[in-house]
Amino acid sequence: MDATVIIVFFIVYAGMFLGEIPGLALDRTGIALLGAIAFLATGHISPQDAWKAVDVSTMALLLGLMVISAQFRLGGFYAWITRRLARFQVYPESLLGMLIILAGALSAVLANDIVCLAMTPVLIEGCARRSLNPVPFLLALACASNIGSAATLIGNPQNMLIGQALDMSFSGYVLDVSIPVLAGLLSVWVVICAHYHNDWRRVTPVPQLDASDMNYWQTGKGLLVLSCVVLAFLFLPFPREIMALAAAALLLTSRRMATRQMLGLVDWQLLVLFAGLFIVNKVLATSGTLHYFIAHLAAWGIHIEEPAWLFGLTLVLSNLVSNVPAVMLLLPAATHHSAGTILALVSTFAGNLFIVGSIANIIVVEQARSMQVTISWQDHARIGIPVTMASLICAGAWLVLKFASLNDFYLIFK
């Protein structure tokens, strides 16, 4: 084994776990980029091979869908629909259920991080105007957006990567996971209602937000394009990344929405993170280090390609290094016919366990703090842990029934 490869890999994934390198102003994106540069500088990979290591189809799909999501943000759709929801004069439990359905549905076809980013401040405003405690609704937004994003292969970045890398059927995946996703959303409602049944009311300062109206033309155009894209994913055999880019190109040819505005809302940090990790993992694989680790795990009886082990390792790694790096590490072991579905469901559901398990959670908590609404890690854990356990139990049971014999999943207990 190459000591340099092991050291750089350890530093990169320790950075994924910590979110930073102590003493430096580096985030996960910077750490992944520096890891890739280190391998280039030490000659472990050539510039040409580094470019080839980057999965262009995944990057193109991400970019295209980010542009579509930017259309909705600039059109004011997220703020409009959240305000409409908050005005419904229904019991808090009913409002919570409506929010969970809305957040889950939006996150299934639009990036869950963007859904949380756009809806959080408006949701706080709506709760404050009605003297509702915003905390249970914000926790529902975060949990439901994570679970809802598992419903399709475009709901979150790791699902896009899995779908592209394993060439999974879009419609087949939707059918496979619909039951555990619905069960997961129901678990969010049950857990929050049980915990906050006597704590729905709280006086919160009403934030002063921009109350600009929704642009119906731009939003309508976005909805039409998005509907066509989803239908194309479901029923047409063309590459998903090409269809997503074509949709983005159509939206960019606008007389009102400036290209600079649209591209300014693209998450370039995430794209750079993906590129860096693609290169780091490529070096890990070509150096033989990854094979060495897998062989040693197998010697200890841990066969990560088997569904039960893949399920458990995905849960653990997703909370150690975040879901995207975890999925990238485990993709080489995704050889079982249910591996893609296991990776997508478990890595996404696991994001609800702790605040740091999902970028969506962090977005909600940080935005709430900036608006004088505090969500502690204990507040999140009281909801996140039971929601994660319930949703994963449902997912595991469904996977056993759907894909495998019981022997496949209980092989680890032999």
Protein backbone atom coordinates (compact mmCIF):
# COMPACT_ATOMS: atom_id res chain seq x y z
CA MET A 1 0.00 0.00 0.00
CA ASP A 2 1.03 3.60 -0.61
CA ALA A 3 1.45 5.57 2.61
CA THR A 4 0.72 8.89 0.87
CA VAL A 5 -2.62 7.61 -0.40
CA ILE A 6 -3.62 6.43 3.08
CA ILE A 7 -2.58 9.71 4.74
CA VAL A 8 -4.37 11.94 2.22
CA PHE A 9 -7.46 9.73 2.27
CA PHE A 10 -7.55 9.77 6.08
CA ILE A 11 -7.20 13.57 6.20
CA VAL A 12 -9.94 14.07 3.58
CA TYR A 13 -12.46 11.77 5.27
CA ALA A 14 -11.57 13.02 8.74
CA GLY A 15 -12.42 16.45 7.32
CA MET A 16 -15.71 15.07 6.03
CA PHE A 17 -16.45 13.86 9.57
CA LEU A 18 -15.41 17.06 11.36
CA GLY A 19 -16.62 19.46 8.68
CA GLU A 20 -13.32 21.30 8.95
CA ILE A 21 -9.62 20.98 9.67
CA PRO A 22 -8.98 22.46 13.12
CA GLY A 23 -7.09 25.72 12.90
CA LEU A 24 -7.92 26.30 9.24
CA ALA A 25 -10.88 28.01 7.58
CA LEU A 26 -11.54 24.98 5.36
CA ASP A 27 -14.95 23.42 4.91
CA ARG A 28 -15.74 20.02 3.38
CA THR A 29 -15.54 21.36 -0.16
CA GLY A 30 -12.11 22.88 0.41
CA ILE A 31 -10.84 19.68 2.03
CA ALA A 32 -12.01 17.50 -0.88
CA LEU A 33 -10.47 19.91 -3.39
CA LEU A 34 -7.14 19.99 -1.55
CA GLY A 35 -7.14 16.18 -1.38
CA ALA A 36 -7.54 15.99 -5.15
CA ILE A 37 -4.80 18.59 -5.65
CA ALA A 38 -2.48 16.65 -3.31
CA PHE A 39 -2.84 13.53 -5.45
CA LEU A 40 -2.21 15.54 -8.60
CA ALA A 41 0.86 17.23 -7.10
CA THR A 42 2.35 13.93 -5.90
CA GLY A 43 1.80 12.24 -9.26
CA HIS A 44 -0.70 9.68 -8.01
CA ILE A 45 -3.04 10.71 -10.81
CA SER A 46 -2.48 12.64 -14.01
CA PRO A 47 -4.59 15.66 -14.96
CA GLN A 48 -6.11 13.65 -17.80
CA ASP A 49 -7.06 10.76 -15.51
CA ALA A 50 -8.38 13.21 -12.93
CA TRP A 51 -10.78 14.64 -15.50
CA LYS A 52 -11.83 11.12 -16.45
CA ALA A 53 -12.43 10.26 -12.78
CA VAL A 54 -15.15 12.90 -12.53
CA ASP A 55 -18.53 11.39 -13.41
CA VAL A 56 -19.69 13.91 -16.01
CA SER A 57 -23.21 12.49 -16.22
CA THR A 58 -23.80 13.01 -12.48
CA MET A 59 -22.32 16.51 -12.57
CA ALA A 60 -24.44 17.44 -15.59
CA LEU A 61 -27.61 16.12 -13.96
CA LEU A 62 -26.86 18.09 -10.79
CA LEU A 63 -26.21 21.28 -12.73
CA GLY A 64 -29.35 20.98 -14.84
CA LEU A 65 -31.62 20.36 -11.87
CA MET A 66 -30.01 23.19 -9.89
CA VAL A 67 -30.90 25.61 -12.68
CA ILE A 68 -34.50 24.35 -12.65
CA SER A 69 -34.64 24.87 -8.87
CA ALA A 70 -33.21 28.38 -9.29
CA GLN A 71 -36.16 29.19 -11.57
CA PHE A 72 -38.57 28.47 -8.73
CA ARG A 73 -36.60 30.51 -6.21
CA LEU A 74 -36.41 33.55 -8.47
CA GLY A 75 -40.08 33.19 -9.35
CA GLY A 76 -41.04 33.35 -5.67
CA PHE A 77 -42.76 29.96 -5.72
CA TYR A 78 -41.39 28.61 -2.44
CA ALA A 79 -42.33 31.71 -0.43
CA TRP A 80 -45.80 31.87 -2.02
CA ILE A 81 -46.71 28.25 -1.37
CA THR A 82 -45.37 28.35 2.22
CA ARG A 83 -47.39 31.48 3.01
CA ARG A 84 -50.51 29.89 1.55
CA LEU A 85 -49.96 26.84 3.70
CA ALA A 86 -49.41 28.87 6.89
CA ARG A 87 -52.73 30.72 6.39
CA PHE A 88 -54.88 27.59 6.52
CA GLN A 89 -57.08 27.86 9.61
CA VAL A 90 -56.74 24.30 10.82
CA TYR A 91 -55.57 22.59 13.99
CA PRO A 92 -51.77 22.52 14.48
CA GLU A 93 -51.70 18.75 13.97
CA SER A 94 -53.44 19.15 10.60
CA LEU A 95 -51.15 21.99 9.58
CA LEU A 96 -48.17 19.84 10.50
CA GLY A 97 -49.46 17.02 8.30
CA MET A 98 -49.98 19.39 5.38
CA LEU A 99 -46.44 20.76 5.80
CA ILE A 100 -44.94 17.25 5.85
CA ILE A 101 -46.78 16.31 2.65
CA LEU A 102 -45.75 19.55 0.93
CA ALA A 103 -42.08 19.37 1.99
CA GLY A 104 -41.85 15.71 1.05
CA ALA A 105 -43.46 16.23 -2.36
CA LEU A 106 -41.32 19.25 -3.25
CA SER A 107 -38.12 17.52 -2.11
CA ALA A 108 -38.86 14.52 -4.30
CA VAL A 109 -38.49 16.57 -7.48
CA LEU A 110 -36.48 19.58 -6.33
CA ALA A 111 -33.31 19.51 -4.24
CA ASN A 112 -34.23 19.13 -0.57
CA ASP A 113 -31.53 21.60 0.52
CA ILE A 114 -33.08 24.32 -1.64
CA VAL A 115 -36.57 23.52 -0.36
CA CYS A 116 -35.38 24.01 3.24
CA LEU A 117 -33.38 27.12 2.39
CA ALA A 118 -36.37 28.82 0.76
CA MET A 119 -39.15 27.66 3.09
CA THR A 120 -37.56 28.08 6.54
CA PRO A 121 -37.82 31.89 6.95
CA VAL A 122 -41.33 32.04 5.52
CA LEU A 123 -42.45 29.17 7.75
CA ILE A 124 -41.12 30.99 10.83
CA GLU A 125 -43.01 34.10 9.73
CA GLY A 126 -46.25 32.16 9.29
CA CYS A 127 -45.93 30.47 12.70
CA ALA A 128 -45.11 33.78 14.41
CA ARG A 129 -48.21 35.48 12.96
CA ARG A 130 -50.39 32.70 14.36
CA SER A 131 -48.54 32.43 17.70
CA LEU A 132 -47.54 28.86 16.88
CA ASN A 133 -44.36 27.30 18.20
CA PRO A 134 -42.13 27.22 15.09
CA VAL A 135 -39.79 24.48 16.40
CA PRO A 136 -41.98 21.41 15.68
CA PHE A 137 -42.81 22.76 12.22
CA LEU A 138 -39.15 23.45 11.42
CA LEU A 139 -38.18 19.96 12.58
CA ALA A 140 -40.95 18.55 10.41
CA LEU A 141 -39.65 20.55 7.44
CA ALA A 142 -36.13 19.17 7.85
CA CYS A 143 -37.16 15.55 8.48
CA ALA A 144 -39.84 15.46 5.78
CA SER A 145 -37.58 17.05 3.18
CA ASN A 146 -34.92 14.42 3.86
CA ILE A 147 -37.36 11.52 3.68
CA GLY A 148 -39.27 12.93 0.70
CA SER A 149 -36.04 13.39 -1.24
CA ALA A 150 -35.54 9.62 -1.13
CA ALA A 151 -38.68 9.13 -3.25
CA THR A 152 -36.90 9.72 -6.57
CA LEU A 153 -33.44 9.59 -8.09
CA ILE A 154 -33.33 13.39 -8.34
CA GLY A 155 -34.42 14.36 -4.82
CA ASN A 156 -30.91 14.76 -3.44
CA PRO A 157 -27.29 14.64 -4.64
CA GLN A 158 -26.48 11.14 -3.40
CA ASN A 159 -29.53 9.68 -5.15
CA MET A 160 -28.49 11.37 -8.39
CA LEU A 161 -25.03 9.83 -8.04
CA ILE A 162 -26.42 6.37 -7.27
CA GLY A 163 -28.91 6.48 -10.14
CA GLN A 164 -26.29 7.57 -12.65
CA ALA A 165 -23.50 5.27 -11.45
CA LEU A 166 -25.69 2.17 -11.35
CA ASP A 167 -27.87 3.12 -14.34
CA MET A 168 -31.04 2.60 -12.32
CA SER A 169 -34.53 2.87 -13.76
CA PHE A 170 -36.19 6.09 -12.62
CA SER A 171 -39.73 4.70 -12.66
CA GLY A 172 -38.64 1.36 -11.21
CA TYR A 173 -36.94 3.07 -8.28
CA VAL A 174 -39.98 5.26 -7.56
CA LEU A 175 -42.18 2.17 -7.37
CA ASP A 176 -39.67 0.33 -5.20
CA VAL A 177 -39.40 3.02 -2.51
CA SER A 178 -42.87 4.58 -2.43
CA ILE A 179 -44.06 2.50 0.54
CA PRO A 180 -41.08 3.14 2.88
CA VAL A 181 -41.06 6.85 1.96
CA LEU A 182 -44.75 7.23 2.81
CA ALA A 183 -44.20 5.28 6.03
CA GLY A 184 -41.27 7.54 6.86
CA LEU A 185 -43.33 10.69 6.33
CA LEU A 186 -46.07 9.25 8.54
CA SER A 187 -43.48 8.55 11.25
CA VAL A 188 -42.45 12.23 11.20
CA TRP A 189 -46.04 13.29 11.87
CA VAL A 190 -46.60 10.69 14.61
CA VAL A 191 -43.35 11.41 16.47
CA ILE A 192 -43.72 15.21 16.40
CA CYS A 193 -47.41 15.13 17.38
CA ALA A 194 -46.60 12.80 20.28
CA HIS A 195 -43.77 15.00 21.52
CA TYR A 196 -45.35 18.44 21.04
CA HIS A 197 -49.01 17.66 21.76
CA ASN A 198 -49.05 20.19 24.64
CA ASP A 199 -46.54 22.66 23.20
CA TRP A 200 -48.05 24.03 19.99
CA ARG A 201 -48.27 27.66 21.14
CA ARG A 202 -45.46 30.17 21.58
CA VAL A 203 -45.05 33.90 21.04
CA THR A 204 -42.27 34.54 18.52
CA PRO A 205 -41.16 37.90 17.06
CA VAL A 206 -42.58 38.26 13.55
CA PRO A 207 -39.65 38.56 11.12
CA GLN A 208 -39.73 41.27 8.48
CA LEU A 209 -39.43 39.43 5.18
CA ASP A 210 -39.74 40.55 1.60
CA ALA A 211 -43.43 40.17 0.77
CA SER A 212 -43.02 40.40 -3.00
CA ASP A 213 -45.64 38.51 -4.98
CA MET A 214 -44.98 35.35 -6.90
CA ASN A 215 -44.17 35.74 -10.58
CA TYR A 216 -46.87 33.51 -12.04
CA TRP A 217 -45.35 33.44 -15.53
CA GLN A 218 -41.87 32.42 -14.41
CA THR A 219 -43.22 29.91 -11.89
CA GLY A 220 -45.64 28.49 -14.45
CA LYS A 221 -42.80 28.10 -16.92
CA GLY A 222 -40.73 26.33 -14.26
CA LEU A 223 -43.60 23.98 -13.39
CA LEU A 224 -44.17 23.12 -17.04
CA VAL A 225 -40.50 22.40 -17.65
CA LEU A 226 -40.16 20.39 -14.44
CA SER A 227 -43.26 18.34 -15.26
CA CYS A 228 -41.89 17.56 -18.71
CA VAL A 229 -38.53 16.56 -17.22
CA VAL A 230 -40.08 14.20 -14.66
CA LEU A 231 -42.34 12.63 -17.29
CA ALA A 232 -39.34 12.22 -19.58
CA PHE A 233 -37.38 10.56 -16.78
CA LEU A 234 -40.28 8.20 -16.18
CA PHE A 235 -41.12 7.21 -19.74
CA LEU A 236 -38.31 8.12 -22.15
CA PRO A 237 -35.08 6.15 -22.65
CA PHE A 238 -32.84 9.19 -23.20
CA PRO A 239 -29.96 9.96 -20.78
CA ARG A 240 -31.28 11.86 -17.77
CA GLU A 241 -28.37 14.29 -17.71
CA ILE A 242 -29.03 15.38 -21.30
CA MET A 243 -32.72 15.95 -20.61
CA ALA A 244 -31.91 17.94 -17.45
CA LEU A 245 -29.39 20.11 -19.30
CA ALA A 246 -31.84 20.67 -22.14
CA ALA A 247 -34.46 21.83 -19.63
CA ALA A 248 -31.92 24.15 -17.99
CA ALA A 249 -30.98 25.58 -21.38
CA LEU A 250 -34.63 26.28 -22.11
CA LEU A 251 -35.03 28.17 -18.82
CA LEU A 252 -31.81 30.12 -19.33
CA THR A 253 -33.12 31.51 -22.64
CA SER A 254 -35.28 34.02 -20.81
CA ARG A 255 -36.05 37.68 -21.48
CA ARG A 256 -36.52 38.45 -17.78
CA MET A 257 -34.35 36.09 -15.71
CA ALA A 258 -30.69 37.07 -16.17
CA THR A 259 -28.24 34.22 -16.62
CA ARG A 260 -26.08 35.69 -13.84
CA GLN A 261 -29.04 35.46 -11.44
CA MET A 262 -29.84 31.88 -12.40
CA LEU A 263 -26.27 30.62 -12.20
CA GLY A 264 -25.72 32.58 -8.99
CA LEU A 265 -28.15 30.21 -7.28
CA VAL A 266 -26.33 27.09 -8.49
CA ASP A 267 -24.52 25.31 -5.64
CA TRP A 268 -21.04 25.41 -7.13
CA GLN A 269 -19.60 24.36 -3.75
CA LEU A 270 -21.43 21.03 -4.03
CA LEU A 271 -20.21 20.48 -7.58
CA VAL A 272 -16.60 21.11 -6.51
CA LEU A 273 -17.08 18.75 -3.54
CA PHE A 274 -18.26 16.03 -5.92
CA ALA A 275 -15.32 16.57 -8.29
CA GLY A 276 -12.79 16.45 -5.46
CA LEU A 277 -14.22 13.27 -3.97
CA PHE A 278 -14.44 11.58 -7.36
CA ILE A 279 -10.68 12.11 -7.79
CA VAL A 280 -9.78 11.08 -4.23
CA ASN A 281 -11.83 7.87 -4.47
CA LYS A 282 -10.41 7.08 -7.91
CA VAL A 283 -6.86 7.18 -6.53
CA LEU A 284 -7.96 5.06 -3.58
CA ALA A 285 -9.33 2.43 -5.98
CA THR A 286 -6.47 2.42 -8.52
CA SER A 287 -3.81 2.27 -5.80
CA GLY A 288 -5.24 -0.98 -4.50
CA THR A 289 -5.91 0.54 -1.07
CA LEU A 290 -9.68 0.19 -1.34
CA HIS A 291 -9.35 -3.45 -2.36
CA TYR A 292 -7.00 -3.99 0.59
CA PHE A 293 -9.55 -2.59 3.05
CA ILE A 294 -12.41 -4.60 1.52
CA ALA A 295 -10.36 -7.80 1.66
CA HIS A 296 -9.51 -7.26 5.32
CA LEU A 297 -13.15 -6.59 6.17
CA ALA A 298 -14.08 -9.82 4.38
CA ALA A 299 -11.46 -11.68 6.45
CA TRP A 300 -13.25 -10.45 9.56
CA GLY A 301 -16.58 -11.71 8.20
CA ILE A 302 -17.80 -8.31 7.00
CA HIS A 303 -18.87 -8.69 3.38
CA ILE A 304 -19.98 -5.20 2.47
CA GLU A 305 -21.57 -6.25 -0.80
CA GLU A 306 -24.19 -8.25 1.13
CA PRO A 307 -27.44 -6.34 1.75
CA ALA A 308 -27.43 -6.48 5.56
CA TRP A 309 -23.84 -5.24 5.85
CA LEU A 310 -24.40 -2.60 3.18
CA PHE A 311 -27.49 -1.39 5.06
CA GLY A 312 -25.62 -1.09 8.36
CA LEU A 313 -22.44 0.45 6.96
CA THR A 314 -24.42 3.01 4.98
CA LEU A 315 -26.22 4.07 8.17
CA VAL A 316 -22.97 4.40 10.14
CA LEU A 317 -20.86 6.07 7.45
CA SER A 318 -23.61 8.51 6.49
CA ASN A 319 -23.53 9.90 10.03
CA LEU A 320 -19.74 9.83 10.27
CA VAL A 321 -18.69 11.48 7.01
CA SER A 322 -22.07 12.67 5.57
CA ASN A 323 -24.17 10.87 2.99
CA VAL A 324 -22.45 11.88 -0.27
CA PRO A 325 -18.92 10.80 0.79
CA ALA A 326 -20.38 7.63 2.34
CA VAL A 327 -22.15 6.71 -0.89
CA MET A 328 -19.02 7.34 -2.95
CA LEU A 329 -17.04 5.00 -0.69
CA LEU A 330 -19.64 2.23 -0.81
CA LEU A 331 -20.56 2.37 -4.50
CA PRO A 332 -17.82 -0.11 -5.53
CA ALA A 333 -19.54 -2.67 -3.29
CA ALA A 334 -22.98 -2.05 -4.81
CA THR A 335 -23.19 -5.35 -6.68
CA HIS A 336 -26.36 -6.86 -5.19
CA HIS A 337 -29.53 -6.27 -7.21
CA SER A 338 -31.00 -4.24 -4.34
CA ALA A 339 -27.79 -2.31 -3.57
CA GLY A 340 -28.80 0.92 -5.29
CA THR A 341 -32.10 1.10 -3.44
CA ILE A 342 -30.42 0.28 -0.12
CA LEU A 343 -27.80 3.01 -0.60
CA ALA A 344 -30.37 5.61 -1.64
CA LEU A 345 -32.92 4.91 1.10
CA VAL A 346 -30.55 4.36 4.01
CA SER A 347 -28.12 7.21 3.25
CA THR A 348 -31.07 9.60 2.97
CA PHE A 349 -33.10 8.38 5.96
CA ALA A 350 -29.93 8.33 8.10
CA GLY A 351 -29.63 12.08 7.60
CA ASN A 352 -32.37 12.65 10.17
CA LEU A 353 -30.46 11.01 13.03
CA PHE A 354 -28.43 14.07 14.07
CA ILE A 355 -28.28 17.69 12.92
CA VAL A 356 -24.94 17.16 11.17
CA GLY A 357 -26.26 14.15 9.26
CA SER A 358 -27.83 16.31 6.56
CA ILE A 359 -27.15 19.69 5.01
CA ALA A 360 -30.93 20.27 5.07
CA ASN A 361 -30.91 19.97 8.87
CA ILE A 362 -28.04 22.44 9.18
CA ILE A 363 -29.77 24.91 6.85
CA VAL A 364 -32.97 24.86 8.92
CA VAL A 365 -31.16 25.17 12.27
CA GLU A 366 -28.82 27.96 11.14
CA GLN A 367 -31.54 29.98 9.43
CA ALA A 368 -33.79 29.61 12.46
CA ARG A 369 -30.99 30.82 14.74
CA SER A 370 -30.50 33.92 12.60
CA MET A 371 -34.21 34.67 13.13
CA GLN A 372 -34.06 34.20 16.92
CA VAL A 373 -35.53 30.68 16.95
CA THR A 374 -33.26 28.20 18.70
CA ILE A 375 -33.24 24.51 17.86
CA SER A 376 -30.72 22.71 20.06
CA TRP A 377 -29.15 19.39 19.17
CA GLN A 378 -31.29 17.89 21.95
CA ASP A 379 -34.45 19.30 20.35
CA HIS A 380 -33.47 17.72 17.06
CA ALA A 381 -32.35 14.41 18.60
CA ARG A 382 -35.67 13.93 20.43
CA ILE A 383 -37.37 13.92 17.04
CA GLY A 384 -34.59 12.83 14.69
CA ILE A 385 -33.58 9.64 16.49
CA PRO A 386 -37.07 8.06 16.72
CA VAL A 387 -37.94 9.23 13.19
CA THR A 388 -34.74 7.69 11.83
CA MET A 389 -35.24 4.42 13.69
CA ALA A 390 -38.88 4.14 12.61
CA SER A 391 -38.18 5.00 8.97
CA LEU A 392 -35.19 2.62 8.78
CA ILE A 393 -37.17 -0.22 10.34
CA CYS A 394 -39.89 0.32 7.73
CA ALA A 395 -37.28 0.52 4.97
CA GLY A 396 -35.49 -2.63 6.14
CA ALA A 397 -38.71 -4.62 6.40
CA TRP A 398 -39.82 -3.45 2.96
CA LEU A 399 -36.45 -4.27 1.37
CA VAL A 400 -36.58 -7.80 2.75
CA LEU A 401 -40.08 -8.29 1.38
CA LYS A 402 -39.39 -6.60 -1.93
CA PHE A 403 -35.93 -7.66 -2.99
CA ALA A 404 -34.48 -10.50 -1.01
CA SER A 405 -35.06 -13.67 0.83
CA LEU A 406 -34.76 -13.42 4.58
CA ASN A 407 -31.49 -15.35 4.29
CA ASP A 408 -29.92 -12.46 2.34
CA PHE A 409 -30.52 -9.97 5.12
CA TYR A 410 -29.76 -12.25 8.04
CA LEU A 411 -26.59 -13.73 6.59
CA ILE A 412 -24.51 -11.73 9.04
CA PHE A 413 -25.90 -13.74 11.94
CA LYS A 414 -24.71 -17.10 10.60
